[in-house]
Protein backbone atom coordinates (compact mmCIF):
# COMPACT_ATOMS: atom_id res chain seq x y z
CA MET A 1 133.84 -29.67 39.80
CA LEU A 2 133.97 -33.24 38.48
CA TYR A 3 130.65 -32.67 36.73
CA LEU A 4 132.34 -29.93 34.72
CA PHE A 5 134.62 -32.58 33.22
CA TYR A 6 131.49 -34.18 31.78
CA ARG A 7 130.04 -30.88 30.56
CA PHE A 8 133.15 -29.41 28.94
CA PHE A 9 135.43 -32.36 28.23
CA ASP A 10 132.75 -34.98 27.51
CA ILE A 11 134.06 -37.41 30.13
CA ASN A 12 130.81 -39.30 30.36
CA ILE A 13 131.46 -41.20 33.59
CA PHE A 14 131.24 -38.02 35.68
CA GLN A 15 127.61 -37.39 34.78
CA TYR A 16 126.48 -40.26 37.01
CA ILE A 17 125.47 -39.55 40.59
CA THR A 18 126.63 -42.98 41.75
CA VAL A 19 130.17 -42.39 40.44
CA ARG A 20 130.47 -38.93 41.96
CA ALA A 21 128.94 -40.19 45.22
CA GLY A 22 131.57 -42.92 45.42
CA ILE A 23 134.34 -40.39 44.79
CA SER A 24 132.94 -37.98 47.38
CA PHE A 25 132.88 -40.80 49.95
CA PHE A 26 136.55 -41.60 49.51
CA VAL A 27 137.63 -37.95 49.34
CA GLY A 28 135.81 -37.26 52.62
CA PHE A 29 137.25 -40.39 54.22
CA VAL A 30 140.86 -39.76 53.15
CA PHE A 31 140.75 -36.05 54.03
CA THR A 32 139.44 -36.82 57.52
CA LEU A 33 142.03 -39.54 58.12
CA TYR A 34 144.76 -37.11 57.03
CA LEU A 35 143.55 -34.06 58.96
CA MET A 36 142.32 -35.62 62.19
CA PRO A 37 145.68 -36.68 63.75
CA ARG A 38 147.05 -33.23 62.99
CA TYR A 39 144.01 -31.56 64.51
CA ILE A 40 144.22 -33.77 67.62
CA ALA A 41 147.89 -32.84 68.12
CA TRP A 42 147.08 -29.14 67.66
CA ALA A 43 144.07 -29.31 70.00
CA LYS A 44 146.17 -30.96 72.71
CA ARG A 45 148.78 -28.21 72.46
CA LYS A 46 146.07 -25.56 72.72
CA LYS A 47 144.29 -27.51 75.49
CA ALA A 48 141.04 -27.45 73.50
CA ASN A 49 139.64 -30.18 75.71
CA GLN A 50 136.06 -31.33 76.28
CA PRO A 51 134.64 -29.82 79.50
CA ILE A 52 132.76 -32.58 81.33
CA TYR A 53 129.33 -31.98 82.84
CA LYS A 54 129.75 -31.91 86.62
CA ASN A 55 126.85 -34.34 87.24
CA ALA A 56 128.00 -36.89 84.66
CA PRO A 57 129.03 -40.37 85.90
CA LYS A 58 132.40 -40.25 87.68
CA ASN A 59 134.25 -42.22 85.01
CA HIS A 60 133.54 -39.39 82.56
CA GLN A 61 135.86 -37.08 84.48
CA LEU A 62 138.75 -39.14 83.09
CA LYS A 63 137.80 -37.81 79.64
CA SER A 64 138.38 -34.17 80.61
CA THR A 65 141.73 -34.15 78.75
CA THR A 66 140.22 -35.45 75.49
CA PRO A 67 140.20 -32.82 72.71
CA THR A 68 136.86 -31.70 71.28
CA MET A 69 135.49 -29.99 68.14
CA GLY A 70 136.39 -32.95 65.93
CA GLY A 71 133.22 -32.10 64.07
CA LEU A 72 135.05 -29.15 62.57
CA VAL A 73 137.37 -31.59 60.79
CA PHE A 74 134.78 -33.97 59.35
CA ILE A 75 132.55 -31.04 58.32
CA THR A 76 135.51 -29.44 56.51
CA SER A 77 136.27 -32.74 54.76
CA THR A 78 132.61 -33.09 53.80
CA LEU A 79 132.53 -29.62 52.28
CA VAL A 80 135.75 -30.20 50.32
CA ALA A 81 134.50 -33.55 48.99
CA SER A 82 131.11 -32.06 48.12
CA PHE A 83 132.49 -29.06 46.26
CA LEU A 84 134.66 -31.39 44.21
CA THR A 85 131.76 -33.58 43.13
CA ILE A 86 128.34 -31.84 43.15
CA LYS A 87 126.66 -29.71 40.51
CA PHE A 88 127.07 -26.13 41.69
CA ASN A 89 123.69 -25.09 40.36
CA ASN A 90 121.69 -27.82 42.12
CA PHE A 91 119.09 -26.28 44.43
CA TYR A 92 118.91 -29.23 46.84
CA ALA A 93 122.66 -29.86 47.10
CA LEU A 94 123.27 -26.19 47.88
CA GLY A 95 120.54 -26.40 50.52
CA ALA A 96 122.35 -29.36 52.07
CA ILE A 97 125.60 -27.38 52.20
CA LEU A 98 123.78 -24.41 53.71
CA THR A 99 122.26 -26.65 56.40
CA ILE A 100 125.60 -28.18 57.39
CA VAL A 101 127.38 -24.83 57.56
CA LEU A 102 124.70 -22.96 59.52
CA PHE A 103 124.17 -25.65 62.16
CA ALA A 104 127.94 -26.17 62.45
CA ALA A 105 128.33 -22.42 63.08
CA ILE A 106 126.02 -22.66 66.12
CA GLY A 107 127.98 -25.62 67.42
CA ILE A 108 131.35 -23.93 66.88
CA LYS A 109 130.20 -20.89 68.87
CA ASP A 110 129.00 -23.15 71.69
CA ASP A 111 132.17 -25.27 71.72
CA ILE A 112 134.52 -22.29 71.76
CA SER A 113 132.63 -20.72 74.66
CA LYS A 114 132.88 -23.97 76.65
CA ILE A 115 136.60 -24.37 75.95
CA LYS A 116 137.40 -20.78 76.89
CA GLY A 117 135.33 -21.01 80.07
CA GLY A 118 136.68 -24.44 80.94
CA ASN A 119 133.21 -25.56 81.98
CA ASN A 120 130.40 -27.41 80.24
CA GLU A 121 127.98 -24.75 81.43
CA ASP A 122 129.96 -21.86 79.92
CA GLY A 123 128.66 -22.46 76.41
CA LEU A 124 125.58 -20.90 74.89
CA SER A 125 122.63 -20.83 77.25
CA SER A 126 119.81 -23.24 76.43
CA LYS A 127 117.63 -20.29 75.42
CA ALA A 128 120.26 -18.73 73.16
CA LYS A 129 121.04 -22.06 71.48
CA LEU A 130 117.34 -22.74 70.90
CA ILE A 131 116.78 -19.28 69.40
CA LEU A 132 119.74 -19.74 67.03
CA GLN A 133 118.48 -23.18 66.02
CA ILE A 134 115.01 -21.77 65.30
CA VAL A 135 116.47 -18.92 63.23
CA VAL A 136 118.72 -21.25 61.21
CA SER A 137 115.87 -23.73 60.73
CA PHE A 138 113.58 -20.95 59.55
CA VAL A 139 116.20 -19.80 57.03
CA ILE A 140 116.52 -23.32 55.59
CA GLY A 141 112.75 -23.90 55.64
CA SER A 142 112.18 -20.59 53.86
CA TYR A 143 114.86 -21.49 51.32
CA LEU A 144 112.93 -24.66 50.45
CA TYR A 145 109.52 -22.97 50.49
CA ILE A 146 110.56 -20.01 48.32
CA GLY A 147 112.30 -22.44 45.96
CA GLY A 148 108.97 -24.13 45.34
CA PHE A 149 109.58 -27.35 47.25
CA LEU A 150 106.61 -29.67 47.93
CA THR A 151 104.61 -28.73 51.01
CA ASP A 152 102.52 -31.92 51.06
CA LEU A 153 102.55 -34.12 54.15
CA TYR A 154 103.29 -37.80 53.54
CA VAL A 155 103.14 -40.71 55.97
CA PRO A 156 104.84 -44.13 55.79
CA PHE A 157 103.07 -46.98 53.95
CA TYR A 158 100.80 -44.61 52.01
CA LYS A 159 101.63 -43.44 48.50
CA TYR A 160 99.44 -40.32 48.42
CA PRO A 161 99.91 -37.10 50.40
CA LEU A 162 97.49 -36.54 53.27
CA PHE A 163 97.15 -32.81 52.63
CA ASP A 164 99.02 -29.70 51.57
CA MET A 165 100.50 -27.89 54.59
CA GLY A 166 101.01 -24.68 52.63
CA LEU A 167 102.90 -22.00 54.55
CA PHE A 168 102.54 -24.05 57.74
CA ALA A 169 105.10 -26.42 56.21
CA VAL A 170 107.86 -23.99 57.20
CA VAL A 171 106.75 -24.13 60.85
CA PHE A 172 106.61 -27.92 60.69
CA TRP A 173 110.08 -28.11 59.15
CA VAL A 174 111.49 -25.80 61.83
CA LEU A 175 110.15 -28.23 64.44
CA VAL A 176 111.80 -31.15 62.63
CA PHE A 177 115.16 -29.35 62.36
CA VAL A 178 115.26 -28.16 65.97
CA SER A 179 114.13 -31.47 67.48
CA THR A 180 116.51 -33.59 65.37
CA SER A 181 119.58 -31.41 65.94
CA ASN A 182 118.93 -31.44 69.69
CA ALA A 183 118.30 -35.19 69.68
CA VAL A 184 121.67 -35.96 68.06
CA ASN A 185 123.31 -33.49 70.44
CA LEU A 186 121.84 -35.32 73.45
CA THR A 187 123.01 -38.69 72.12
CA ASP A 188 126.61 -37.55 71.78
CA GLY A 189 127.60 -38.62 75.29
CA LEU A 190 129.68 -41.77 74.83
CA ASP A 191 132.54 -42.68 72.49
CA GLY A 192 131.11 -43.14 68.99
CA LEU A 193 127.55 -43.33 70.28
CA ALA A 194 126.19 -40.61 67.98
CA THR A 195 128.57 -41.30 65.09
CA VAL A 196 127.42 -44.72 63.92
CA PRO A 197 123.63 -44.13 64.26
CA SER A 198 124.19 -40.94 62.26
CA ILE A 199 125.94 -42.95 59.55
CA PHE A 200 123.04 -45.43 59.43
CA SER A 201 120.44 -42.64 59.29
CA ILE A 202 122.25 -40.76 56.52
CA MET A 203 122.74 -43.93 54.48
CA SER A 204 119.06 -44.88 54.79
CA LEU A 205 117.87 -41.42 53.81
CA SER A 206 120.38 -41.43 50.93
CA VAL A 207 118.50 -44.38 49.46
CA PHE A 208 115.26 -42.35 49.56
CA VAL A 209 117.05 -39.32 48.09
CA TYR A 210 118.43 -41.31 45.17
CA VAL A 211 115.16 -43.13 44.47
CA MET A 212 113.04 -39.96 44.57
CA GLY A 213 115.46 -38.20 42.24
CA HIS A 214 115.26 -41.07 39.74
CA ALA A 215 112.25 -40.96 37.40
CA ILE A 216 111.99 -44.72 36.82
CA LEU A 217 112.69 -45.89 40.39
CA SER A 218 110.35 -43.32 41.94
CA ASP A 219 107.55 -44.38 39.61
CA TYR A 220 108.14 -48.06 40.38
CA LEU A 221 108.23 -47.54 44.15
CA LEU A 222 105.31 -45.07 44.16
CA VAL A 223 107.17 -42.16 45.75
CA PRO A 224 107.21 -38.54 44.55
CA ASN A 225 109.71 -37.82 41.80
CA ILE A 226 111.62 -34.63 42.59
CA LYS A 227 113.97 -33.61 39.80
CA GLY A 228 117.51 -32.92 40.95
CA LEU A 229 117.06 -34.41 44.41
CA GLY A 230 119.53 -37.23 43.81
CA GLU A 231 122.43 -34.79 43.89
CA VAL A 232 122.06 -34.58 47.69
CA ALA A 233 123.18 -38.23 47.88
CA ILE A 234 126.65 -36.99 46.90
CA VAL A 235 126.81 -34.65 49.89
CA ALA A 236 125.49 -37.48 52.06
CA THR A 237 128.17 -39.95 50.97
CA ALA A 238 130.83 -37.28 51.50
CA LEU A 239 129.59 -36.91 55.08
CA VAL A 240 129.41 -40.68 55.63
CA GLY A 241 132.99 -41.09 54.40
CA SER A 242 134.13 -38.27 56.66
CA LEU A 243 132.29 -39.77 59.64
CA ILE A 244 133.93 -43.16 59.11
CA GLY A 245 137.29 -41.41 59.06
CA PHE A 246 136.29 -39.63 62.27
CA LEU A 247 135.15 -42.90 63.86
CA TRP A 248 138.68 -44.24 63.44
CA HIS A 249 139.68 -41.82 66.22
CA ASN A 250 136.31 -41.48 67.99
CA CYS A 251 135.74 -45.17 68.78
CA HIS A 252 136.22 -46.31 72.38
CA PRO A 253 138.44 -45.11 73.97
CA ALA A 254 137.97 -41.87 72.05
CA GLU A 255 140.95 -39.73 71.09
CA ILE A 256 138.62 -36.91 70.00
CA PHE A 257 135.03 -35.80 70.53
CA MET A 258 132.88 -34.24 67.82
CA GLY A 259 131.50 -31.49 70.05
CA ASP A 260 128.40 -29.47 69.28
CA SER A 261 130.02 -28.36 66.02
CA GLY A 262 129.61 -31.94 64.85
CA SER A 263 126.44 -33.11 66.57
CA LEU A 264 124.30 -30.09 65.67
CA SER A 265 125.37 -30.16 62.02
CA LEU A 266 124.69 -33.92 61.83
CA GLY A 267 121.24 -33.47 63.32
CA GLY A 268 120.49 -30.58 61.00
CA PHE A 269 121.58 -32.53 57.93
CA ILE A 270 119.59 -35.64 58.91
CA ALA A 271 116.53 -33.42 59.38
CA TYR A 272 117.15 -31.79 55.98
CA MET A 273 117.27 -35.18 54.28
CA ALA A 274 114.07 -36.25 56.03
CA VAL A 275 112.30 -33.06 54.91
CA ILE A 276 113.34 -33.22 51.26
CA THR A 277 112.41 -36.91 51.03
CA LYS A 278 109.03 -36.23 52.70
CA ASN A 279 110.02 -38.60 55.52
CA GLU A 280 109.55 -36.25 58.45
CA LEU A 281 107.41 -38.82 60.30
CA LEU A 282 109.53 -41.81 59.29
CA LEU A 283 112.42 -39.99 60.97
CA ILE A 284 111.10 -41.43 64.24
CA LEU A 285 112.21 -44.85 62.98
CA VAL A 286 115.28 -43.72 61.03
CA GLY A 287 116.59 -41.88 64.09
CA PHE A 288 115.18 -44.26 66.68
CA VAL A 289 118.22 -44.07 68.99
CA PHE A 290 118.09 -40.27 68.91
CA VAL A 291 114.36 -40.33 69.64
CA MET A 292 114.87 -42.79 72.52
CA GLU A 293 117.53 -40.54 74.08
CA THR A 294 115.32 -37.46 73.76
CA VAL A 295 112.22 -39.17 75.15
CA SER A 296 114.23 -40.38 78.14
CA VAL A 297 115.15 -36.78 78.98
CA ILE A 298 111.55 -35.60 78.55
CA LEU A 299 110.26 -38.39 80.80
CA GLN A 300 112.92 -37.73 83.42
CA VAL A 301 112.30 -33.98 83.58
CA GLY A 302 108.52 -34.34 83.40
CA SER A 303 108.40 -37.00 86.10
CA TYR A 304 110.64 -35.06 88.46
CA LYS A 305 108.66 -31.86 88.04
CA ALA A 306 105.29 -33.60 88.46
CA ARG A 307 106.10 -36.27 91.08
CA LYS A 308 109.56 -35.37 92.42
CA LYS A 309 110.60 -38.86 91.30
CA ARG A 310 113.04 -39.95 88.61
CA VAL A 311 112.19 -42.55 85.97
CA PHE A 312 115.85 -43.32 85.24
CA LYS A 313 119.00 -43.23 87.36
CA MET A 314 120.18 -40.48 85.01
CA ALA A 315 119.14 -39.10 81.64
CA PRO A 316 119.84 -39.33 78.73
CA ILE A 317 119.24 -43.04 78.96
CA HIS A 318 122.81 -44.10 78.08
CA HIS A 319 123.87 -42.68 81.47
CA HIS A 320 121.15 -44.79 83.12
CA PHE A 321 122.78 -47.95 81.80
CA GLU A 322 126.21 -46.72 82.86
CA LEU A 323 125.00 -46.32 86.43
CA LYS A 324 123.45 -49.80 86.26
CA GLY A 325 126.97 -51.12 85.71
CA TRP A 326 127.01 -51.74 81.95
CA ALA A 327 130.43 -51.30 80.35
CA GLU A 328 130.62 -48.26 78.09
CA ASN A 329 131.51 -50.21 74.96
CA LYS A 330 128.60 -52.62 75.61
CA ILE A 331 126.14 -49.71 75.73
CA ILE A 332 127.60 -48.23 72.57
CA VAL A 333 127.48 -51.42 70.51
CA ARG A 334 123.96 -52.30 71.68
CA PHE A 335 122.73 -48.83 70.70
CA TRP A 336 124.44 -49.29 67.32
CA ILE A 337 122.56 -52.57 66.86
CA MET A 338 119.25 -50.86 67.64
CA ALA A 339 120.09 -48.12 65.14
CA LEU A 340 120.90 -50.67 62.42
CA ILE A 341 117.69 -52.63 62.95
CA SER A 342 115.49 -49.54 63.03
CA ASN A 343 117.01 -48.27 59.79
CA LEU A 344 116.51 -51.60 58.07
CA LEU A 345 112.86 -51.44 59.09
CA ALA A 346 112.66 -47.90 57.75
CA LEU A 347 114.02 -49.02 54.38
CA ILE A 348 111.33 -51.71 54.18
CA THR A 349 108.69 -48.95 54.12
CA LEU A 350 110.09 -47.87 50.75
CA LYS A 351 108.53 -50.93 49.13
CA ILE A 352 105.39 -51.33 51.24
CA ARG A 353 102.97 -48.65 50.03
């Protein structure tokens, strides 16, 4: 909408992505700060509380009265901020919106089922959730492929594509979307644990988005120049602003949880940004905390099935440290530090090619 002021009223400042990104950040932040207390009060009245997994550490049972589905609020704020600031005809920005909405829809369905059933296991079955994630990922991957997006595979530190994946790119992207959305979902187990690493990941990928959408910067840094890609940075800053507003209430001790409606949409959006910036493999570093959590679950399940022995006291790994006696806020902050360092390392790859 703000871009229309430039087009029709010749207000030049609104043509710049950086200006509209800054505005989208503050709109998302303010909207979330305004809406969240009202949503928390409503959720408490409706007893829309977070069902706690029965095998979770005992101290988690104290959180059973904490409202959930806070993701619905910061996603709404993100959409409002985005619609006020993006170009409505931008292929990549619309893809970003589509990604957020579709993955949030899966999470909302799962959250509502859990709340109604009053049990963490009353949500979507693992199989049903996976099928929906694959379908949504295929829709987004097909959207990019049909729209003529690059299907080349790039790796960090190398300026040329390895090869053209062709139609197989859609399958590869589906894998990236499903694995990333599940990884963020697994990480969302402590107060603010998934929120801050998500902010770091989105901010890092926003740098790549802006650079690759800029003809001069992309040429200087030897990355592909994709016209129109920079517009996605506006959606990203809207989400970052909304997440910071959410963190105000989600930090320890949390007044609200994001639920699957938040974690799945965050994972989907991070995956989308990795795909459109050709950083699917660098996502291992950008989302290091999410990868670490996922690998811990894989190792735990694999070890128990193969040897009847556990690698960790409990998986995901943040529960392992809880059972070792670490304070919850210490685990959270240390994971935040790891996320910050891994993202700084990921940004270094932008220059080293």
